[in-house]
Protein backbone atom coordinates (compact mmCIF):
# COMPACT_ATOMS: atom_id res chain seq x y z
CA UNK A 1 11.01 3.78 26.90
CA UNK A 2 12.49 1.24 28.62
CA UNK A 3 15.04 -0.62 27.31
CA UNK A 4 15.19 -4.50 27.00
CA UNK A 5 16.06 -7.99 24.74
CA UNK A 6 13.79 -9.72 22.64
CA UNK A 7 14.45 -13.28 22.15
CA UNK A 8 11.64 -14.03 19.34
CA UNK A 9 9.21 -11.91 17.58
CA UNK A 10 5.75 -11.63 17.92
CA UNK A 11 3.24 -14.35 16.68
CA UNK A 12 1.37 -11.57 14.58
CA UNK A 13 3.84 -10.11 12.44
CA UNK A 14 2.66 -9.76 8.93
CA UNK A 15 4.81 -10.44 5.81
CA UNK A 16 5.89 -7.19 5.05
CA UNK A 17 5.71 -5.23 1.52
CA UNK A 18 8.39 -4.04 -0.66
CA UNK A 19 7.22 -1.37 -3.15
CA UNK A 20 9.12 -2.35 -6.46
CA UNK A 21 7.21 0.48 -8.56
CA UNK A 22 8.86 3.68 -7.46
CA UNK A 23 7.08 6.54 -6.55
CA UNK A 24 7.76 10.24 -6.68
CA UNK A 25 10.32 11.08 -3.86
CA UNK A 26 9.36 14.03 -1.49
CA UNK A 27 11.54 15.79 0.67
CA UNK A 28 10.44 15.45 4.34
CA UNK A 29 12.37 18.83 5.14
CA UNK A 30 10.67 18.92 9.05
CA UNK A 31 12.25 15.71 10.06
CA UNK A 32 16.09 15.71 10.99
CA UNK A 33 18.05 12.67 10.58
CA UNK A 34 21.06 12.36 13.06
CA UNK A 35 22.62 9.07 11.73
CA UNK A 36 23.92 7.53 14.85
CA UNK A 37 26.88 4.83 14.71
CA UNK A 38 24.42 2.74 16.75
CA UNK A 39 22.88 -0.63 15.59
CA UNK A 40 18.99 -0.80 15.91
CA UNK A 41 18.85 -4.73 16.31
CA UNK A 42 20.35 -7.89 15.67
CA UNK A 43 18.52 -10.69 13.95
CA UNK A 44 20.62 -13.90 13.06
CA UNK A 45 23.97 -13.12 11.81
CA UNK A 46 22.95 -9.58 10.60
CA UNK A 47 22.94 -6.14 11.69
CA UNK A 48 19.93 -3.99 11.12
CA UNK A 49 22.13 -0.53 11.51
CA UNK A 50 20.81 2.86 11.94
CA UNK A 51 21.46 4.29 8.61
CA UNK A 52 19.47 0.98 7.15
CA UNK A 53 16.37 1.42 9.87
CA UNK A 54 16.65 5.27 9.15
CA UNK A 55 16.33 4.56 5.39
CA UNK A 56 12.93 2.21 5.69
CA UNK A 57 11.34 4.10 8.22
CA UNK A 58 11.96 7.13 5.78
CA UNK A 59 10.67 5.60 3.11
CA UNK A 60 7.51 3.95 4.99
CA UNK A 61 6.33 7.76 6.21
CA UNK A 62 6.91 9.16 2.95
CA UNK A 63 4.83 6.40 0.95
CA UNK A 64 1.93 6.79 3.72
CA UNK A 65 1.86 11.04 3.70
CA UNK A 66 1.95 10.44 0.20
CA UNK A 67 -1.46 8.39 0.16
CA UNK A 68 -3.24 10.19 2.20
CA UNK A 69 -2.31 13.72 1.13
CA UNK A 70 -0.57 14.93 4.43
CA UNK A 71 2.68 17.39 3.67
CA UNK A 72 3.68 18.44 6.95
CA UNK A 73 6.01 15.76 8.82
CA UNK A 74 6.00 17.49 12.40
CA UNK A 75 2.17 16.89 12.47
CA UNK A 76 1.81 13.74 10.69
CA UNK A 77 4.35 11.49 13.09
CA UNK A 78 2.86 13.52 16.16
CA UNK A 79 -0.67 12.63 15.36
CA UNK A 80 -2.86 10.20 17.99
CA UNK A 81 -3.20 6.81 17.01
CA UNK A 82 -4.76 4.59 19.64
CA UNK A 83 -2.44 5.29 22.28
CA UNK A 84 0.60 6.21 20.18
CA UNK A 85 1.46 8.42 17.88
CA UNK A 86 1.59 7.79 13.97
CA UNK A 87 5.57 7.76 14.10
CA UNK A 88 6.45 5.17 16.77
CA UNK A 89 3.50 3.23 15.28
CA UNK A 90 5.41 3.24 11.84
CA UNK A 91 8.59 2.83 13.94
CA UNK A 92 7.53 -0.28 15.44
CA UNK A 93 6.11 -1.36 12.04
CA UNK A 94 9.59 -0.71 10.25
CA UNK A 95 11.35 -2.87 12.66
CA UNK A 96 9.24 -5.50 11.75
CA UNK A 97 9.50 -4.95 8.21
CA UNK A 98 13.43 -4.61 8.11
CA UNK A 99 13.81 -8.04 10.97
CA UNK A 100 11.80 -9.87 7.77
CA UNK A 101 14.00 -8.77 5.32
CA UNK A 102 17.07 -9.85 7.17
CA UNK A 103 15.63 -13.36 7.82
CA UNK A 104 14.79 -13.53 4.20
CA UNK A 105 18.22 -12.25 2.82
CA UNK A 106 19.52 -14.77 5.08
CA UNK A 107 17.54 -17.74 3.83
CA UNK A 108 18.53 -16.41 0.35
CA UNK A 109 22.11 -16.92 1.15
CA UNK A 110 21.91 -20.04 2.41
CA UNK A 111 19.77 -21.48 -0.28
CA UNK A 112 22.12 -20.18 -3.07
CA UNK A 113 19.59 -18.14 -4.36
CA UNK A 114 20.62 -15.33 -7.32
CA UNK A 115 18.35 -12.96 -8.20
CA UNK A 116 17.66 -11.77 -12.06
CA UNK A 117 20.62 -9.54 -12.25
CA UNK A 118 19.02 -7.38 -15.02
CA UNK A 119 15.75 -7.33 -13.02
CA UNK A 120 17.94 -5.88 -9.75
CA UNK A 121 19.56 -3.63 -12.15
CA UNK A 122 16.36 -2.37 -14.26
CA UNK A 123 14.27 -1.77 -10.79
CA UNK A 124 17.43 0.33 -9.42
CA UNK A 125 17.61 2.32 -12.65
CA UNK A 126 14.14 3.45 -12.30
CA UNK A 127 14.95 4.58 -8.51
CA UNK A 128 18.02 5.85 -9.45
CA UNK A 129 16.52 8.15 -12.37
CA UNK A 130 13.68 9.16 -9.82
CA UNK A 131 16.03 10.25 -7.15
CA UNK A 132 18.75 12.43 -10.00
CA UNK A 133 15.27 14.17 -11.34
CA UNK A 134 13.90 15.08 -8.02
CA UNK A 135 17.24 16.05 -6.49
CA UNK A 136 17.69 18.32 -9.48
CA UNK A 137 13.79 19.82 -9.00
CA UNK A 138 14.80 20.55 -5.45
CA UNK A 139 18.43 22.35 -6.19
CA UNK A 140 20.39 19.65 -4.60
CA UNK A 141 23.11 17.01 -4.99
CA UNK A 142 21.90 13.68 -5.23
CA UNK A 143 23.93 12.82 -1.99
CA UNK A 144 22.68 15.75 -0.24
CA UNK A 145 19.14 14.68 -1.74
CA UNK A 146 19.34 11.17 -0.67
CA UNK A 147 20.46 12.40 3.20
CA UNK A 148 17.56 14.89 3.56
CA UNK A 149 15.38 12.51 2.01
CA UNK A 150 15.90 8.87 3.46
CA UNK A 151 18.68 9.60 6.17
CA UNK A 152 21.58 8.08 4.15
CA UNK A 153 24.21 8.46 1.40
CA UNK A 154 22.97 7.78 -2.56
CA UNK A 155 25.46 4.99 -2.14
CA UNK A 156 23.83 3.01 1.14
CA UNK A 157 19.97 3.75 -0.69
CA UNK A 158 21.45 1.78 -3.61
CA UNK A 159 22.66 -0.54 -1.20
CA UNK A 160 19.70 -0.62 0.78
CA UNK A 161 17.41 -1.43 -2.76
CA UNK A 162 19.35 -4.46 -3.84
CA UNK A 163 18.72 -5.83 -0.72
CA UNK A 164 14.86 -5.01 -0.85
CA UNK A 165 14.72 -5.74 -4.20
CA UNK A 166 16.48 -9.51 -3.65
CA UNK A 167 14.61 -10.29 -0.45
CA UNK A 168 11.23 -9.56 -2.52
CA UNK A 169 12.14 -11.71 -5.07
CA UNK A 170 13.13 -14.68 -3.06
CA UNK A 171 10.13 -14.29 -1.11
CA UNK A 172 8.20 -14.39 -4.48
CA UNK A 173 9.63 -17.32 -5.63
CA UNK A 174 9.56 -19.34 -2.33
CA UNK A 175 5.50 -18.24 -2.46
CA UNK A 176 4.89 -19.61 -5.77
CA UNK A 177 6.64 -22.64 -4.92
CA UNK A 178 4.07 -23.51 -2.14
CA UNK A 179 0.99 -26.33 -3.26
CA UNK A 180 -2.19 -25.39 -3.19
CA UNK A 181 -4.88 -28.09 -2.51
CA UNK A 182 -8.12 -27.18 -4.45
CA UNK A 183 -10.31 -28.02 -1.68
CA UNK A 184 -8.30 -25.92 0.88
CA UNK A 185 -8.51 -22.98 -1.65
CA UNK A 186 -11.97 -23.58 -1.68
CA UNK A 187 -12.54 -23.22 1.90
CA UNK A 188 -9.98 -20.41 2.62
CA UNK A 189 -12.12 -18.35 -0.27
CA UNK A 190 -15.27 -18.82 1.18
CA UNK A 191 -13.81 -17.82 4.89
CA UNK A 192 -12.73 -14.19 3.64
CA UNK A 193 -15.09 -13.87 0.34
CA UNK A 194 -15.62 -10.21 1.17
CA UNK A 195 -11.65 -9.51 0.82
CA UNK A 196 -11.88 -11.19 -2.70
CA UNK A 197 -15.48 -10.69 -3.68
CA UNK A 198 -16.18 -6.61 -5.64
CA UNK A 199 -18.24 -4.67 -7.95
CA UNK A 200 -17.47 -2.74 -10.92
CA UNK A 201 -19.12 0.28 -11.00
CA UNK A 202 -19.34 3.83 -12.87
CA UNK A 203 -20.54 6.80 -11.74
CA UNK A 204 -21.00 10.41 -12.81
CA UNK A 205 -20.76 12.65 -9.82
CA UNK A 206 -23.16 16.04 -9.87
CA UNK A 207 -22.09 17.94 -6.83
CA UNK A 208 -24.41 19.31 -4.81
CA UNK A 209 -23.82 20.10 -0.55
CA UNK A 210 -26.15 18.57 1.85
CA UNK A 211 -26.93 21.49 3.10
CA UNK A 212 -27.52 23.39 -0.51
CA UNK A 213 -30.95 25.41 -1.02
CA UNK A 214 -34.02 23.62 -2.71
CA UNK A 215 -33.89 25.39 -5.65
CA UNK A 216 -29.99 23.95 -6.27
CA UNK A 217 -30.65 20.81 -5.01
CA UNK A 218 -33.75 20.58 -7.82
CA UNK A 219 -31.70 21.95 -10.58
CA UNK A 220 -28.59 19.09 -9.33
CA UNK A 221 -31.06 16.31 -9.68
CA UNK A 222 -32.69 17.53 -12.96
CA UNK A 223 -29.12 17.33 -14.41
CA UNK A 224 -28.66 13.72 -12.84
CA UNK A 225 -31.80 12.35 -13.86
CA UNK A 226 -31.22 13.80 -17.50
CA UNK A 227 -27.90 12.13 -17.41
CA UNK A 228 -29.49 8.84 -16.49
CA UNK A 229 -32.07 8.97 -19.27
CA UNK A 230 -29.05 9.28 -22.17
CA UNK A 231 -27.17 6.65 -20.32
CA UNK A 232 -30.90 4.14 -20.50
CA UNK A 233 -31.03 5.36 -24.39
CA UNK A 234 -27.86 4.10 -24.77
CA UNK A 235 -25.03 6.40 -24.98
CA UNK A 236 -21.56 5.89 -23.72
CA UNK A 237 -21.56 5.76 -20.36
CA UNK A 238 -17.66 6.50 -20.34
CA UNK A 239 -18.14 9.66 -22.63
CA UNK A 240 -20.86 10.94 -20.57
CA UNK A 241 -18.51 10.68 -17.47
CA UNK A 242 -15.83 12.47 -19.32
CA UNK A 243 -18.09 15.22 -20.28
CA UNK A 244 -20.47 15.72 -17.14
CA UNK A 245 -18.89 14.09 -13.98
CA UNK A 246 -17.20 16.41 -11.34
CA UNK A 247 -15.09 13.21 -9.09
CA UNK A 248 -11.58 14.17 -10.46
CA UNK A 249 -10.73 10.89 -9.27
CA UNK A 250 -12.66 8.73 -11.93
CA UNK A 251 -14.05 11.00 -14.53
CA UNK A 252 -10.91 10.59 -16.99
CA UNK A 253 -11.22 6.33 -16.92
CA UNK A 254 -15.05 6.72 -17.64
CA UNK A 255 -16.12 6.97 -13.84
CA UNK A 256 -15.13 3.75 -13.26
CA UNK A 257 -14.32 1.97 -9.95
CA UNK A 258 -13.67 -1.27 -7.77
CA UNK A 259 -15.60 -1.35 -5.22
CA UNK A 260 -15.48 -3.40 -1.89
CA UNK A 261 -17.15 -4.28 1.25
CA UNK A 262 -14.40 -2.31 3.18
CA UNK A 263 -15.96 0.97 3.54
CA UNK A 264 -13.59 2.84 1.34
CA UNK A 265 -16.49 4.43 -0.39
CA UNK A 266 -19.68 6.21 1.59
CA UNK A 267 -22.30 4.08 2.70
CA UNK A 268 -24.76 4.89 0.12
CA UNK A 269 -22.26 3.78 -2.69
CA UNK A 270 -21.16 1.09 -1.28
CA UNK A 271 -24.72 -0.48 -0.64
CA UNK A 272 -25.82 0.53 -3.98
CA UNK A 273 -22.98 -1.30 -5.62
CA UNK A 274 -24.11 -4.74 -3.57
CA UNK A 275 -27.60 -4.50 -3.95
CA UNK A 276 -27.97 -4.25 -8.16
CA UNK A 277 -27.21 -6.73 -11.02
CA UNK A 278 -25.50 -5.81 -13.83
CA UNK A 279 -26.27 -3.49 -16.61
CA UNK A 280 -28.95 -1.94 -13.92
CA UNK A 281 -28.72 1.82 -13.86
CA UNK A 282 -30.02 4.18 -11.01
CA UNK A 283 -29.16 7.20 -8.86
CA UNK A 284 -28.41 8.01 -5.58
CA UNK A 285 -27.63 10.89 -3.24
CA UNK A 286 -24.36 11.10 -0.83
CA UNK A 287 -22.76 13.92 1.00
CA UNK A 288 -20.89 14.21 -2.34
CA UNK A 289 -23.84 15.12 -4.34
CA UNK A 290 -26.00 13.20 -6.98
CA UNK A 291 -24.38 10.02 -8.69
CA UNK A 292 -25.70 8.34 -12.00
CA UNK A 293 -25.09 4.95 -11.38
CA UNK A 294 -24.21 1.93 -13.87
CA UNK A 295 -23.54 -1.70 -12.58
CA UNK A 296 -20.58 -3.05 -14.61
CA UNK A 297 -19.58 -6.18 -13.48
CA UNK A 298 -19.76 -8.59 -10.46
CA UNK A 299 -16.87 -10.63 -9.45
CA UNK A 300 -18.01 -13.16 -6.78
CA UNK A 301 -16.60 -16.10 -7.43
CA UNK A 302 -13.54 -18.22 -7.45
CA UNK A 303 -12.91 -19.08 -10.93
CA UNK A 304 -13.59 -15.36 -11.67
CA UNK A 305 -10.29 -14.36 -9.44
CA UNK A 306 -8.88 -18.15 -8.86
CA UNK A 307 -5.06 -16.52 -9.39
CA UNK A 308 -5.24 -13.46 -6.81
CA UNK A 309 -7.52 -15.68 -4.36
CA UNK A 310 -4.17 -18.52 -5.16
CA UNK A 311 -1.62 -16.08 -4.53
CA UNK A 312 -3.26 -14.88 -1.19
CA UNK A 313 -3.23 -18.27 -0.08
CA UNK A 314 0.07 -18.89 -0.20
CA UNK A 315 1.37 -15.69 0.65
CA UNK A 316 -0.61 -16.82 3.98
CA UNK A 317 1.13 -20.23 4.11
CA UNK A 318 4.58 -18.76 3.40
CA UNK A 319 3.79 -16.47 6.74
CA UNK A 320 3.59 -19.54 8.72
CA UNK A 321 6.63 -20.80 7.82
CA UNK A 322 8.33 -17.10 8.11
CA UNK A 323 6.82 -16.79 11.61
CA UNK A 324 8.44 -20.55 12.18
CA UNK A 325 11.54 -18.91 11.39
CA UNK A 326 11.51 -15.67 13.10
CA UNK A 327 10.97 -17.55 16.44
CA UNK A 328 13.41 -20.17 16.26
CA UNK A 329 16.41 -20.10 18.23
CA UNK A 330 18.31 -19.76 14.89
CA UNK A 331 17.12 -16.59 14.22
CA UNK A 332 17.75 -14.86 17.75
CA UNK A 333 16.32 -11.21 17.38
CA UNK A 334 17.52 -8.37 20.19
CA UNK A 335 16.86 -5.01 19.90
CA UNK A 336 19.38 -2.51 20.76
CA UNK A 337 20.30 0.89 21.73
CA UNK A 338 20.04 2.24 18.78
CA UNK A 339 15.89 1.79 18.19
CA UNK A 340 15.31 3.55 21.41
CA UNK A 341 17.61 6.36 20.54
CA UNK A 342 15.50 7.14 17.17
């Protein structure tokens, strides 16, 4: 890749997400981090060091791998993603995240922002406990575990986490301070209804392969029909789900899902969720089998989800402010050799 320096960030930068909920940490043994003494970037008055970048990158890789169930790091990072690899995509996203964190920290410092020390310590306490327990499981010292899992020392992990939490707290304060006009909020909601509106649906899955023999299909459908009869007779749906459903992701919670129009569910399931009224029941067949369905709730008004919509609108407006700062002379941004060597 050709080395070059940039003066401004792209205009399509999105607000980074700092995960303050501590997730289970895994060691990505296939990734070998060699922390070089070079810097990755300069943002205003701050540097993004190779150690800090390594930490952010490893967290992002671990989070995405766990989210989608990948276990082999080398395979995951070398997966094709568009015209690039997954590793290169995450690397670029990590740079965007790191730059925004540095800008937020500098803004917080200029304004004399002081985060809640008790909350900072509480968040780090949770993280420290997680690291300590994970290191014990893998038979590592805490410091060695951090070097394997995050590419840096335990002390640096602590420092970087405090920075993450401080930037997040500052950003939250600035977002919530943005005033919201009700007319603008209503327009924003109408323009983005599909991103907010959802249905709450419960289902009981009776598994059946698509190419199953007719006799098996008939037997499975009969089971679903009998369960539907019991549902319509007034039996508790959640109890029936816990007893009969073969969907491990929902049976213990009564078979309930929130469904958005975003392709997260198979088409038959999503279509049913947006074509029925509250209280209606039925059966659909998908590639997974037969689903006994029940419509629990439809959330499709501004008032029903005003807090979430307001926060999303405020976040969007804050992003515009942040973009202006990122593209200003105040925060000159330069990619250094460490980025290309990473």
